[in-house]
Structure formats: structure tokens, C-alpha cells
């Protein structure tokens, strides 16, 4: 009774309602792995030292982390894999849930059974744990033991055992008062630990090896599906910038991280988790009711813009310079520099970036264009968008509009066929995603190796890639204006439309949503322009 009264007094003083505190204090402390609702009461209505809103709860609620289970592309992809591999459908759902429905997965794991993804869809009333995605008590319960090792990959982080009461949440700050408050309000205690800001914590879910299966559910291989953490380890960024330093922007000045008895602290970070998937935020904003979005449309639009701003300012740099030795041609080199700490693009293999280059003559007529994005989300001249069995190679030199420099992973089966089926793939037929600075492709381990013609291209190296263009002027007069863009898509045309043959609600819905968003499915990462004369 005294504890409840003291919490009420403090809470009312901090602007938290009695009803909110009563609901928190009355909730069953024996229910482990609690949803974000438990945390949001105190970690909202926050402001920076300059008075700018910085609510942890609002930042997170519009992020890809919070919406991992709502992601219609993830739902469609899981459905495709279970349809194509029905013998192992329960195992597929359980493994995919470990990183996209991790709270539900933790509860099910302790209850001794697998997580059946589609029993929780659509995400509505009674599905709070599944809908919470990568929620507060997932990341903050991760224990430091084993992080950064192969044993922790594929979401195999550890949390305290089921006999631990109260459970422990780890944070970056030390406060005995906060620890007591956490135990009283949430049923968790609080401990300070530096591992919460270590890239290895992110690496547990963002390093994913996928088991490959053949007919009858027979294991035929293993695919290094997502490797941003391992790529980071093989770059110079491992010694200067962590994942959190880029994807959780620092707050300027001291800020209280709790609205309940919180003290201003230096070093707080925003929980925006801005990465590269603006398409998810756009789809959630446009179809909030259908996709079960919890965040407001305004918050989702802000999240999308934050991602686009991050990509346009911190992803890449482009340079166009005249080239020599190309007689009679408009010749120049386009250099792309990767400003990130991993391959560009990285993680899920549906992502791609490419060079869109146009050349305009002195009279304003366009004499060359390579890499134009079509209205349906496909790239003009890209073999894979036109034909799912083919793909465009890595180019060192481009001479005609049908050649496009696309930085992408192309998955292959055991017999060398192109696929976007993750569980069919056993390796890469092409991987020329732009390497981060300090990345040595000759010493890279197999799981992050370069594949295809880029491996032998001396201008494709750590931190950069250069492509030479030598184009006929077609009789037009110069000087010629060259405009180059590095364009990016979170989900490429082929990856979206390969879901279409699977006649299920989740696959068909995503193709419909993709077609609707196709014209806005890309973002420009960098631009460069130059005046070029035709070679003599």
C-alpha cells in the first residue's frame, strides 16, 4: 500500500496519470517478456535540452523495429517459403519469428513450443506480444554472454532464465533509484552494462545464416543471408563507429530518459533506428488499418523522411571525372564511395543500388541514359527485372543504354539457377555491393565474399567502385552535360513480383502494395554532375 501511494505521488508530480500507474502496478509481475506498453508510460513525453520532442516510445513505435511483425513483405515472404517447403513449414515460421516476433517467440520458447506465425495474423486484439515486433524488453534483456560469437547469430541471444524474478533490463546509465522504480512499476530490475551499446548486441539478429532445403525438406546447404555485422567487423569502422552511433542518433545536451523521476544525463540516444527501409513506413502510413499500424500516420511519415534524409546524407558520395584514351566517345568515370560501415546496400538481399546516368548535348537533347527507373519499379535495361532467370553482370565499362551498373546480391541454387527463394539458395551468383572502407576483398571470409566480375575488377575495392562510361555522341554537339545518381530500392522489382505466383493473401497483398508504391519505391543516395567534351 505504501509503495503504491509513493508511486502515485511521484507519478502525479511528473504528469503521469493515476490510472496509468495503477494499471502498471496492478499488472501481473509473473508475466515475463512484457510489451512496450509497460515501458511507454515512463519513456514518453521526453524533451531534449533545447525543448525538442524526443519520446523514446514515439521514436520506436514508428520504426522498422516496432513494425517488424507488421511488415507486409516479411509476411508475404514467410508465406511463400512455407508454401514452397510445406514439409518444414512449422520450423520456417518458428525461425522467422525469432527476429520478427521475438517477444512472442521468447514466451513460446519458455512455454516449450514453437511460434506459429500465421496463428497470430492478422495482428489485432489479443496479439500484443506478436505485434510488438522488436520491442524494449527484447533488446534490453539481452545478456552480454556470447554476444559477437557465431553461437549468438540468428537471434540466438540469451536472456535470464524463467526462474529469474524480477528479470533484469540492461541500460547505459547507472541509477539505484531508477532500478528500484523499474522493479516497482514494471516488475523488472535495472542494471547498467556497456554491452547495450556494443555492435555485437545488434549482430545477434542482424547476422543471419539460412538453412537451404531441397525436395522433401532435405538440407542441401547454408546461405549467409544477412551479414552487416560481419561486414562491419571486416571494415575500418569497427574501430571508430558502432551500429548504435549511426542508427541511434545522439541527443544534443543532457536529457532525462524517463518522465518519472528521470534525471538529465549526457549521452542519451534517440530510438528512431533509421536504417534503409522507408518503403515499410510508407506502406504502413498509407494502409494503417489494413496492416494494423499502431503509430500515427504523422509519426510514420516522419520516420520515412528520417530514413531518406539519412540515406541522402550519410550513405554515399559520387564523383564524375573525364576519362582519357577513348577517341571519338563521350568518356568519363563515375566513382561511388561507400560512407557506411557495411556493404552498400546490406542485409536483406532484396535491396539494390544502381547508377542512373544521363548525357545531354549542348542543344538540350538527351543522347544517352542508363539506369532509368520505370513506373512499375523495374530498371530499364536490367536483365533480372525483364527475365527472372537472368541477371545483369558487374560492369567495368559501359557503352550502351542497355548496360546498367547495379550493385546487388543475386542468389543462386545448387545448379546455378537464379532465385529469390531464400530456402532454395545456397550461395551468390553475383555480389558487387559496394564495400565499406578498409574492406579487403582478397581476405574476406566466405560469408561476406565478393562474387562475379567485381572480384577481378581492380577499381572495385574497399570503400569505392569506379565505372567507366564511353558513349557515342551520335553526331550531337558538345560540350555534354553528364548527370549521375546513385539510386536505391529496399525491395527490387524482381523480389516483389516473384511473390505473385504464390496464391495466398499475404503474397498477393504485398504485390498490390508494391505496385501502388512503385513510383516512390526508390531514393537517391548521391548525385554528381560534370561537363564533358567528346574525345579527340
Protein backbone atom coordinates (compact mmCIF):
# COMPACT_ATOMS: atom_id res chain seq x y z
CA UNK A 1 0.00 0.00 0.00
CA UNK A 2 2.81 2.41 0.91
CA UNK A 3 4.65 1.55 -2.30
CA UNK A 4 1.53 2.21 -4.38
CA UNK A 5 0.91 5.54 -2.63
CA UNK A 6 4.51 6.74 -3.08
CA UNK A 7 4.44 5.80 -6.77
CA UNK A 8 1.18 7.68 -7.19
CA UNK A 9 2.57 10.82 -5.59
CA UNK A 10 5.73 10.77 -7.71
CA UNK A 11 3.79 9.89 -10.83
CA UNK A 12 1.27 12.69 -10.45
CA UNK A 13 4.12 15.13 -9.85
CA UNK A 14 5.68 14.04 -13.15
CA UNK A 15 2.42 14.34 -15.10
CA UNK A 16 1.69 10.60 -15.29
CA UNK A 17 -1.93 9.77 -14.51
CA UNK A 18 -3.05 7.68 -11.58
CA UNK A 19 -4.82 5.34 -13.99
CA UNK A 20 -1.59 4.70 -15.90
CA UNK A 21 0.38 3.94 -12.75
CA UNK A 22 -2.40 1.80 -11.32
CA UNK A 23 -2.53 -0.25 -14.49
CA UNK A 24 1.21 -0.76 -14.38
CA UNK A 25 1.41 -1.63 -10.70
CA UNK A 26 -1.57 -3.99 -10.93
CA UNK A 27 -0.29 -5.94 -13.90
CA UNK A 28 0.91 -9.43 -13.12
CA UNK A 29 4.68 -9.37 -12.43
CA UNK A 30 4.78 -13.08 -13.24
CA UNK A 31 4.02 -12.33 -16.91
CA UNK A 32 7.50 -12.27 -18.36
CA UNK A 33 8.73 -10.60 -21.54
CA UNK A 34 6.38 -7.67 -21.32
CA UNK A 35 5.23 -5.48 -24.18
CA UNK A 36 6.26 -1.88 -24.82
CA UNK A 37 3.06 -0.67 -23.21
CA UNK A 38 4.72 -1.45 -19.89
CA UNK A 39 7.66 0.83 -20.72
CA UNK A 40 5.90 3.61 -22.59
CA UNK A 41 4.26 5.14 -19.52
CA UNK A 42 7.60 6.49 -18.31
CA UNK A 43 9.64 6.70 -21.52
CA UNK A 44 7.38 9.15 -23.31
CA UNK A 45 6.77 12.92 -23.29
CA UNK A 46 10.52 13.50 -23.24
CA UNK A 47 12.35 16.59 -24.46
CA UNK A 48 15.91 17.50 -25.34
CA UNK A 49 17.74 20.30 -23.56
CA UNK A 50 16.57 22.67 -26.31
CA UNK A 51 12.94 21.64 -25.86
CA UNK A 52 12.62 19.37 -28.90
CA UNK A 53 10.37 16.28 -28.55
CA UNK A 54 12.43 13.11 -28.07
CA UNK A 55 9.98 10.48 -26.89
CA UNK A 56 11.59 7.03 -26.81
CA UNK A 57 8.18 5.42 -27.15
CA UNK A 58 7.15 7.52 -30.16
CA UNK A 59 10.50 7.16 -31.92
CA UNK A 60 10.41 3.39 -31.54
CA UNK A 61 6.72 2.94 -32.42
CA UNK A 62 7.24 4.23 -35.98
CA UNK A 63 10.50 2.34 -36.57
CA UNK A 64 11.14 -0.86 -38.51
CA UNK A 65 11.94 -2.49 -35.17
CA UNK A 66 8.45 -1.93 -33.75
CA UNK A 67 6.84 -2.91 -37.04
CA UNK A 68 8.93 -5.99 -37.79
CA UNK A 69 5.91 -8.29 -37.48
CA UNK A 70 3.59 -5.90 -39.34
CA UNK A 71 5.92 -5.77 -42.35
CA UNK A 72 3.78 -6.99 -45.28
CA UNK A 73 6.88 -8.02 -47.23
CA UNK A 74 8.08 -10.20 -44.37
CA UNK A 75 4.63 -11.77 -44.02
CA UNK A 76 4.45 -12.43 -47.76
CA UNK A 77 7.96 -13.88 -47.84
CA UNK A 78 7.31 -16.24 -44.94
CA UNK A 79 4.11 -17.40 -46.60
CA UNK A 80 5.97 -18.06 -49.86
CA UNK A 81 8.60 -20.16 -48.11
CA UNK A 82 6.02 -22.24 -46.24
CA UNK A 83 4.07 -22.87 -49.46
CA UNK A 84 7.23 -23.91 -51.32
CA UNK A 85 8.52 -26.03 -48.41
CA UNK A 86 5.37 -27.42 -46.72
CA UNK A 87 7.24 -30.29 -45.03
CA UNK A 88 9.10 -27.86 -42.79
CA UNK A 89 6.55 -25.04 -42.56
CA UNK A 90 6.41 -25.04 -38.72
CA UNK A 91 10.21 -24.76 -38.49
CA UNK A 92 10.22 -21.91 -41.00
CA UNK A 93 7.62 -19.95 -39.07
CA UNK A 94 9.41 -20.51 -35.77
CA UNK A 95 12.80 -19.39 -37.10
CA UNK A 96 11.40 -16.31 -38.82
CA UNK A 97 9.52 -15.37 -35.65
CA UNK A 98 12.73 -15.31 -33.60
CA UNK A 99 13.73 -11.95 -35.10
CA UNK A 100 10.40 -10.53 -36.32
CA UNK A 101 8.15 -11.67 -33.45
CA UNK A 102 10.85 -12.05 -30.81
CA UNK A 103 8.70 -11.24 -27.77
CA UNK A 104 6.12 -13.86 -28.72
CA UNK A 105 8.96 -16.22 -29.59
CA UNK A 106 10.57 -15.79 -26.15
CA UNK A 107 7.25 -16.52 -24.44
CA UNK A 108 6.62 -19.58 -26.62
CA UNK A 109 10.18 -20.82 -26.16
CA UNK A 110 9.83 -20.76 -22.38
CA UNK A 111 6.46 -22.47 -22.68
CA UNK A 112 8.18 -25.26 -24.60
CA UNK A 113 6.63 -24.84 -28.04
CA UNK A 114 7.39 -23.23 -31.40
CA UNK A 115 5.94 -19.94 -32.61
CA UNK A 116 3.35 -20.35 -35.35
CA UNK A 117 3.45 -17.03 -37.18
CA UNK A 118 0.17 -17.27 -39.03
CA UNK A 119 -1.88 -18.10 -35.94
CA UNK A 120 -1.09 -14.54 -34.82
CA UNK A 121 -2.08 -12.89 -38.10
CA UNK A 122 -3.77 -10.56 -38.68
CA UNK A 123 -2.28 -8.65 -35.78
CA UNK A 124 -5.28 -7.49 -33.80
CA UNK A 125 -6.72 -7.65 -30.29
CA UNK A 126 -5.08 -10.27 -28.13
CA UNK A 127 -1.90 -10.32 -30.24
CA UNK A 128 0.07 -7.62 -28.41
CA UNK A 129 3.19 -9.74 -27.88
CA UNK A 130 3.34 -10.76 -31.54
CA UNK A 131 2.54 -7.26 -32.79
CA UNK A 132 5.24 -5.60 -30.67
CA UNK A 133 8.00 -6.68 -33.04
CA UNK A 134 11.48 -5.97 -31.73
CA UNK A 135 10.34 -4.37 -28.52
CA UNK A 136 12.01 -2.79 -25.48
CA UNK A 137 12.23 -5.91 -23.35
CA UNK A 138 13.85 -7.89 -26.16
CA UNK A 139 16.94 -5.76 -26.71
CA UNK A 140 17.24 -4.62 -23.10
CA UNK A 141 17.02 -8.17 -21.72
CA UNK A 142 19.86 -9.48 -23.88
CA UNK A 143 22.68 -10.69 -21.69
CA UNK A 144 26.29 -9.96 -22.65
CA UNK A 145 27.42 -13.59 -22.57
CA UNK A 146 28.16 -14.90 -26.06
CA UNK A 147 27.35 -11.74 -27.99
CA UNK A 148 29.56 -11.30 -31.04
CA UNK A 149 30.13 -15.05 -31.40
CA UNK A 150 28.64 -17.34 -34.02
CA UNK A 151 26.55 -19.01 -31.33
CA UNK A 152 24.59 -15.78 -30.84
CA UNK A 153 23.74 -15.28 -34.53
CA UNK A 154 20.28 -15.96 -35.99
CA UNK A 155 18.69 -14.30 -32.97
CA UNK A 156 20.24 -16.79 -30.54
CA UNK A 157 20.91 -14.23 -27.83
CA UNK A 158 20.33 -15.21 -24.22
CA UNK A 159 18.05 -13.74 -21.57
CA UNK A 160 17.75 -14.65 -17.91
CA UNK A 161 16.09 -17.98 -17.21
CA UNK A 162 12.42 -18.37 -16.34
CA UNK A 163 13.30 -18.69 -12.65
CA UNK A 164 14.73 -15.15 -12.53
CA UNK A 165 12.34 -12.81 -10.72
CA UNK A 166 12.49 -9.96 -11.12
CA UNK A 167 14.02 -10.09 -14.56
CA UNK A 168 16.83 -7.69 -15.40
CA UNK A 169 16.76 -4.95 -18.03
CA UNK A 170 20.15 -3.57 -19.07
CA UNK A 171 20.69 0.11 -19.82
CA UNK A 172 23.59 2.51 -20.37
CA UNK A 173 23.13 4.55 -17.19
CA UNK A 174 23.71 3.78 -13.50
CA UNK A 175 20.96 4.69 -11.06
CA UNK A 176 19.96 2.85 -7.91
CA UNK A 177 16.76 4.91 -7.70
CA UNK A 178 15.84 4.03 -11.27
CA UNK A 179 16.46 0.33 -10.57
CA UNK A 180 14.02 0.42 -7.66
CA UNK A 181 11.47 2.33 -9.72
CA UNK A 182 11.73 -0.20 -12.54
CA UNK A 183 11.15 -3.08 -10.16
CA UNK A 184 8.14 -1.33 -8.60
CA UNK A 185 6.44 -0.14 -11.80
CA UNK A 186 7.35 -2.77 -14.39
CA UNK A 187 8.31 -5.90 -12.49
CA UNK A 188 11.87 -5.66 -13.87
CA UNK A 189 15.01 -4.54 -12.13
CA UNK A 190 17.57 -2.38 -13.94
CA UNK A 191 21.32 -2.83 -14.35
CA UNK A 192 23.93 -0.73 -16.09
CA UNK A 193 26.01 -2.54 -18.70
CA UNK A 194 28.15 -1.27 -21.60
CA UNK A 195 27.10 -4.16 -23.84
CA UNK A 196 23.81 -2.38 -24.58
CA UNK A 197 25.87 -0.03 -26.80
CA UNK A 198 28.06 -2.70 -28.35
CA UNK A 199 27.60 -3.61 -32.04
CA UNK A 200 27.70 -7.26 -31.02
CA UNK A 201 24.26 -6.83 -29.48
CA UNK A 202 22.87 -5.77 -32.88
CA UNK A 203 24.85 -8.53 -34.57
CA UNK A 204 22.86 -11.25 -32.82
CA UNK A 205 19.78 -10.66 -35.00
CA UNK A 206 21.49 -8.88 -37.89
CA UNK A 207 23.71 -11.84 -38.73
CA UNK A 208 21.56 -14.48 -40.35
CA UNK A 209 22.54 -17.81 -41.86
CA UNK A 210 19.61 -19.50 -43.60
CA UNK A 211 19.43 -23.26 -43.99
CA UNK A 212 18.76 -24.30 -47.60
CA UNK A 213 16.33 -27.12 -48.38
CA UNK A 214 15.67 -29.37 -51.34
CA UNK A 215 12.74 -31.69 -52.14
CA UNK A 216 11.17 -33.38 -49.15
CA UNK A 217 12.74 -30.95 -46.71
CA UNK A 218 16.27 -32.30 -47.21
CA UNK A 219 19.01 -29.93 -46.05
CA UNK A 220 21.22 -29.01 -49.02
CA UNK A 221 23.28 -26.07 -47.77
CA UNK A 222 23.50 -22.85 -45.84
CA UNK A 223 23.14 -19.30 -47.14
CA UNK A 224 24.80 -16.27 -45.48
CA UNK A 225 21.61 -14.26 -45.93
CA UNK A 226 22.33 -11.09 -43.92
CA UNK A 227 25.83 -10.12 -42.80
CA UNK A 228 26.07 -6.40 -41.89
CA UNK A 229 27.77 -7.12 -38.57
CA UNK A 230 30.38 -9.42 -40.13
CA UNK A 231 30.94 -6.85 -42.91
CA UNK A 232 31.44 -4.19 -40.24
CA UNK A 233 34.00 -6.38 -38.48
CA UNK A 234 35.96 -6.62 -41.76
CA UNK A 235 35.97 -2.83 -42.23
CA UNK A 236 37.81 0.09 -40.68
CA UNK A 237 34.57 1.18 -38.99
CA UNK A 238 34.89 -1.47 -36.30
CA UNK A 239 37.49 0.74 -34.62
CA UNK A 240 35.65 4.06 -34.95
CA UNK A 241 31.84 3.75 -35.13
CA UNK A 242 29.32 1.31 -33.71
CA UNK A 243 25.94 0.37 -35.17
CA UNK A 244 24.21 2.39 -32.45
CA UNK A 245 26.23 5.52 -33.18
CA UNK A 246 24.80 5.65 -36.70
CA UNK A 247 21.29 4.22 -36.27
CA UNK A 248 20.51 5.75 -32.85
CA UNK A 249 21.39 9.46 -33.23
CA UNK A 250 22.89 11.16 -30.18
CA UNK A 251 20.83 13.75 -28.33
CA UNK A 252 22.47 17.16 -28.01
CA UNK A 253 22.96 18.05 -24.37
CA UNK A 254 21.66 16.35 -21.25
CA UNK A 255 18.20 14.77 -21.33
CA UNK A 256 16.10 12.78 -18.91
CA UNK A 257 15.27 9.38 -20.42
CA UNK A 258 12.30 8.87 -18.11
CA UNK A 259 9.38 11.20 -17.37
CA UNK A 260 9.06 9.55 -13.96
CA UNK A 261 11.80 10.89 -11.66
CA UNK A 262 14.27 10.97 -14.53
CA UNK A 263 17.48 12.98 -14.21
CA UNK A 264 19.09 14.81 -17.16
CA UNK A 265 22.01 12.77 -18.48
CA UNK A 266 24.58 13.27 -21.17
CA UNK A 267 24.86 10.62 -23.86
CA UNK A 268 21.19 9.76 -24.42
CA UNK A 269 20.29 8.43 -27.85
CA UNK A 270 17.17 8.54 -29.99
CA UNK A 271 15.34 5.27 -30.61
CA UNK A 272 14.50 6.04 -34.24
CA UNK A 273 16.57 3.13 -35.62
CA UNK A 274 16.64 4.84 -39.01
CA UNK A 275 18.09 2.34 -41.45
CA UNK A 276 17.15 1.82 -45.09
CA UNK A 277 13.54 0.59 -45.26
CA UNK A 278 11.48 3.70 -45.93
CA UNK A 279 9.12 1.57 -48.03
CA UNK A 280 7.76 -0.15 -44.91
CA UNK A 281 6.95 3.17 -43.23
CA UNK A 282 5.28 4.42 -46.42
CA UNK A 283 3.10 1.30 -46.72
CA UNK A 284 2.11 1.42 -43.05
CA UNK A 285 1.17 5.07 -43.33
CA UNK A 286 -0.91 4.52 -46.47
CA UNK A 287 -2.63 1.34 -45.17
CA UNK A 288 -2.68 1.79 -41.39
CA UNK A 289 -5.90 -0.11 -40.72
CA UNK A 290 -5.17 -2.97 -43.11
CA UNK A 291 -1.64 -3.53 -41.73
CA UNK A 292 -2.54 -2.87 -38.09
CA UNK A 293 -0.25 0.13 -37.67
CA UNK A 294 -0.10 1.39 -34.09
CA UNK A 295 1.96 4.52 -34.79
CA UNK A 296 0.22 7.59 -36.18
CA UNK A 297 0.41 8.46 -39.85
CA UNK A 298 2.38 11.58 -38.98
CA UNK A 299 4.92 9.55 -36.99
CA UNK A 300 5.32 7.04 -39.83
CA UNK A 301 5.75 9.83 -42.39
CA UNK A 302 8.41 11.37 -40.13
CA UNK A 303 10.17 8.00 -39.86
CA UNK A 304 10.17 7.63 -43.64
CA UNK A 305 11.64 11.10 -44.07
CA UNK A 306 14.29 10.43 -41.42
CA UNK A 307 15.39 7.34 -43.34
CA UNK A 308 15.50 9.21 -46.64
CA UNK A 309 17.49 12.02 -45.01
CA UNK A 310 19.97 9.54 -43.52
CA UNK A 311 20.40 7.82 -46.87
CA UNK A 312 20.89 11.09 -48.76
CA UNK A 313 23.43 12.49 -46.29
CA UNK A 314 25.40 9.57 -44.88
CA UNK A 315 25.29 6.66 -47.34
CA UNK A 316 27.45 7.52 -50.34
CA UNK A 317 29.40 10.09 -52.32
CA UNK A 318 29.53 10.29 -56.14
CA UNK A 319 32.20 11.80 -58.38
CA UNK A 320 32.24 12.21 -62.19
CA UNK A 321 35.60 12.82 -63.89
CA UNK A 322 36.59 12.96 -67.60
CA UNK A 323 38.30 9.82 -68.90
CA UNK A 324 41.17 9.73 -71.39
CA UNK A 325 42.08 7.40 -74.23
CA UNK A 326 38.54 6.98 -75.57
CA UNK A 327 38.78 8.56 -79.06
CA UNK A 328 35.53 9.83 -80.52
CA UNK A 329 33.50 8.96 -77.43
CA UNK A 330 31.98 10.87 -74.54
CA UNK A 331 34.14 9.29 -71.89
CA UNK A 332 34.06 9.68 -68.12
CA UNK A 333 34.36 7.71 -64.92
CA UNK A 334 31.77 7.56 -62.15
CA UNK A 335 33.20 6.76 -58.73
CA UNK A 336 30.94 5.69 -55.88
CA UNK A 337 32.27 5.94 -52.32
CA UNK A 338 30.58 3.96 -49.57
CA UNK A 339 30.25 6.08 -46.41
CA UNK A 340 28.68 3.31 -44.30
CA UNK A 341 30.31 0.67 -42.13
CA UNK A 342 28.98 -2.28 -44.14
CA UNK A 343 28.28 -3.18 -47.74
CA UNK A 344 26.03 -0.77 -49.61
CA UNK A 345 23.29 -1.88 -49.68
CA UNK A 346 23.43 -4.52 -46.97
CA UNK A 347 21.25 -7.01 -45.06
CA UNK A 348 18.16 -8.48 -46.75
CA UNK A 349 19.08 -9.38 -50.35
CA UNK A 350 16.04 -7.68 -51.91
CA UNK A 351 17.95 -4.39 -51.66
CA UNK A 352 19.83 -2.89 -54.57
CA UNK A 353 21.52 0.34 -55.66
CA UNK A 354 22.42 1.38 -59.20
CA UNK A 355 23.86 4.18 -61.31
CA UNK A 356 21.40 6.30 -63.25
CA UNK A 357 23.42 8.27 -65.79
CA UNK A 358 22.17 10.72 -68.42
CA UNK A 359 24.14 12.67 -71.03
CA UNK A 360 22.67 15.82 -72.55
CA UNK A 361 24.07 17.55 -75.63
CA UNK A 362 24.60 21.30 -75.97
CA UNK A 363 21.16 21.68 -77.59
CA UNK A 364 19.45 20.03 -74.60
CA UNK A 365 18.80 16.70 -76.29
CA UNK A 366 19.40 13.57 -74.19
CA UNK A 367 21.84 11.40 -76.16
CA UNK A 368 22.29 8.63 -73.55
CA UNK A 369 20.51 7.29 -70.50
CA UNK A 370 21.36 4.21 -68.45
CA UNK A 371 19.56 3.04 -65.31
CA UNK A 372 16.20 4.78 -65.65
CA UNK A 373 13.62 3.64 -63.11
CA UNK A 374 10.36 2.64 -64.77
CA UNK A 375 6.99 3.48 -63.26
CA UNK A 376 6.48 -0.13 -62.15
CA UNK A 377 9.69 -0.17 -60.07
CA UNK A 378 11.80 -2.01 -62.63
CA UNK A 379 15.07 -0.70 -64.07
CA UNK A 380 15.26 -0.18 -67.84
CA UNK A 381 17.92 -2.49 -69.26
CA UNK A 382 18.13 -4.75 -66.21
CA UNK A 383 18.08 -8.40 -67.29
CA UNK A 384 16.71 -9.72 -63.99
CA UNK A 385 13.69 -7.40 -63.96
CA UNK A 386 12.85 -8.46 -67.52
CA UNK A 387 13.57 -12.18 -67.04
CA UNK A 388 13.72 -13.91 -63.62
CA UNK A 389 16.19 -16.49 -64.94
CA UNK A 390 18.86 -13.91 -65.89
CA UNK A 391 20.75 -11.03 -64.29
CA UNK A 392 22.96 -8.16 -65.34
CA UNK A 393 26.69 -8.56 -64.66
CA UNK A 394 29.03 -6.19 -62.89
CA UNK A 395 30.44 -3.78 -65.47
CA UNK A 396 33.85 -2.14 -65.60
CA UNK A 397 32.93 -0.26 -68.79
CA UNK A 398 29.53 0.78 -70.12
CA UNK A 399 28.96 1.75 -73.76
CA UNK A 400 25.22 1.45 -74.41
CA UNK A 401 21.94 2.23 -72.61
CA UNK A 402 21.05 -1.42 -72.01
CA UNK A 403 24.05 -1.80 -69.72
CA UNK A 404 23.34 -0.73 -66.13
CA UNK A 405 25.71 -0.82 -63.17
CA UNK A 406 23.63 -2.44 -60.42
CA UNK A 407 25.18 -3.08 -57.02
CA UNK A 408 23.25 -6.09 -55.75
CA UNK A 409 23.28 -9.67 -54.50
CA UNK A 410 21.95 -12.34 -56.86
CA UNK A 411 21.12 -15.64 -55.18
CA UNK A 412 21.78 -18.99 -56.85
CA UNK A 413 20.63 -22.57 -56.35
CA UNK A 414 22.88 -25.64 -56.25
CA UNK A 415 22.57 -25.97 -60.04
CA UNK A 416 23.38 -22.30 -60.67
CA UNK A 417 19.87 -21.02 -61.33
CA UNK A 418 18.82 -17.54 -60.27
CA UNK A 419 16.34 -17.43 -57.38
CA UNK A 420 14.80 -15.09 -54.81
CA UNK A 421 13.71 -18.05 -52.69
CA UNK A 422 15.85 -17.84 -49.56
CA UNK A 423 15.47 -21.51 -48.69
CA UNK A 424 16.32 -22.58 -52.26
CA UNK A 425 19.50 -20.52 -52.39
CA UNK A 426 22.87 -21.96 -51.43
CA UNK A 427 25.12 -19.08 -52.46
CA UNK A 428 25.63 -15.99 -54.60
CA UNK A 429 26.00 -15.79 -58.36
CA UNK A 430 26.77 -12.09 -58.04
CA UNK A 431 27.58 -9.85 -55.10
CA UNK A 432 29.06 -6.50 -56.04
CA UNK A 433 27.52 -4.45 -53.29
CA UNK A 434 29.88 -1.54 -52.62
CA UNK A 435 32.41 -2.42 -49.94
CA UNK A 436 32.99 -0.31 -46.81
CA UNK A 437 36.30 1.44 -46.23
CA UNK A 438 39.04 -0.91 -45.04
CA UNK A 439 37.36 -3.99 -46.53
CA UNK A 440 39.90 -6.25 -48.24
CA UNK A 441 38.06 -8.44 -50.74
CA UNK A 442 41.05 -10.78 -51.05
CA UNK A 443 40.96 -11.72 -47.37
CA UNK A 444 37.21 -11.54 -46.74
CA UNK A 445 35.74 -14.71 -45.21
CA UNK A 446 33.39 -16.73 -47.46
CA UNK A 447 30.20 -15.42 -45.87
CA UNK A 448 30.95 -11.83 -47.00
CA UNK A 449 32.95 -12.55 -50.16
CA UNK A 450 32.63 -10.66 -53.43
CA UNK A 451 31.12 -12.75 -56.24
CA UNK A 452 31.14 -12.31 -60.00
CA UNK A 453 33.15 -9.93 -62.18
CA UNK A 454 33.64 -7.43 -59.35
CA UNK A 455 36.10 -9.82 -57.74
CA UNK A 456 38.58 -9.23 -60.60
CA UNK A 457 37.81 -5.53 -61.05
CA UNK A 458 40.75 -3.52 -59.61
CA UNK A 459 38.56 -0.40 -59.34
CA UNK A 460 36.12 -2.30 -57.11
CA UNK A 461 37.81 -2.18 -53.72
CA UNK A 462 37.41 -1.21 -50.09
CA UNK A 463 35.31 1.94 -49.84
CA UNK A 464 34.70 2.56 -53.53
CA UNK A 465 33.83 1.37 -57.02
CA UNK A 466 34.54 3.13 -60.33
CA UNK A 467 32.72 2.54 -63.62
CA UNK A 468 33.94 3.93 -66.95
CA UNK A 469 31.40 5.16 -69.49
CA UNK A 470 32.42 5.52 -73.16
CA UNK A 471 29.40 6.58 -75.20
CA UNK A 472 28.95 7.64 -78.81
CA UNK A 473 27.84 11.23 -79.31
CA UNK A 474 25.56 10.08 -82.15
CA UNK A 475 26.51 13.20 -84.08
CA UNK A 476 25.37 15.59 -81.37
CA UNK A 477 27.48 18.61 -80.46
CA UNK A 478 29.07 19.21 -77.10
CA UNK A 479 30.01 20.13 -74.55
CA UNK A 480 27.97 17.37 -72.93
CA UNK A 481 26.37 17.55 -69.53
CA UNK A 482 26.69 14.35 -67.50
CA UNK A 483 24.33 13.81 -64.57
CA UNK A 484 24.87 10.75 -62.37
CA UNK A 485 22.78 9.46 -59.49
CA UNK A 486 23.18 6.50 -57.15
CA UNK A 487 19.64 5.22 -56.69
CA UNK A 488 18.45 2.70 -54.08
CA UNK A 489 15.44 0.43 -53.54
CA UNK A 490 14.67 -1.52 -50.33
CA UNK A 491 12.73 -4.09 -52.40
CA UNK A 492 13.68 -4.59 -56.03
CA UNK A 493 11.08 -5.29 -58.71
CA UNK A 494 12.00 -8.96 -59.13
CA UNK A 495 11.94 -9.64 -55.39
CA UNK A 496 8.45 -8.19 -55.15
CA UNK A 497 6.97 -9.81 -58.24
CA UNK A 498 8.38 -13.26 -57.56
CA UNK A 499 5.76 -13.43 -54.80
CA UNK A 500 2.95 -13.11 -57.35
CA UNK A 501 2.76 -16.80 -58.39
CA UNK A 502 2.04 -17.81 -54.78
CA UNK A 503 -1.72 -17.52 -54.41
CA UNK A 504 -2.01 -16.52 -50.77
CA UNK A 505 -3.42 -13.42 -49.11
CA UNK A 506 -0.06 -12.23 -47.80
CA UNK A 507 1.81 -12.59 -51.10
CA UNK A 508 -0.93 -11.06 -53.23
CA UNK A 509 -1.36 -8.16 -50.82
CA UNK A 510 2.30 -7.24 -50.94
CA UNK A 511 2.44 -7.27 -54.74
CA UNK A 512 -0.60 -4.95 -54.75
CA UNK A 513 1.00 -2.62 -52.22
CA UNK A 514 4.30 -2.64 -54.12
CA UNK A 515 2.63 -1.77 -57.41
CA UNK A 516 0.87 1.09 -55.65
CA UNK A 517 4.14 2.43 -54.21
CA UNK A 518 6.39 1.56 -57.19
CA UNK A 519 6.87 5.14 -58.35
CA UNK A 520 8.12 6.05 -54.84
CA UNK A 521 9.99 2.81 -54.21
CA UNK A 522 13.44 4.38 -54.66
CA UNK A 523 15.61 7.07 -53.09
CA UNK A 524 18.62 8.94 -54.44
CA UNK A 525 21.69 8.37 -52.25
CA UNK A 526 24.09 10.72 -54.04
CA UNK A 527 24.40 12.92 -57.13
CA UNK A 528 27.19 14.38 -59.27
CA UNK A 529 27.39 16.43 -62.47
CA UNK A 530 30.16 17.32 -64.93
CA UNK A 531 30.71 18.93 -68.33
CA UNK A 532 32.46 16.57 -70.77
CA UNK A 533 33.82 17.05 -74.29
CA UNK A 534 33.93 14.18 -76.75
CA UNK A 535 37.38 12.63 -77.00
CA UNK A 536 39.61 13.61 -79.92
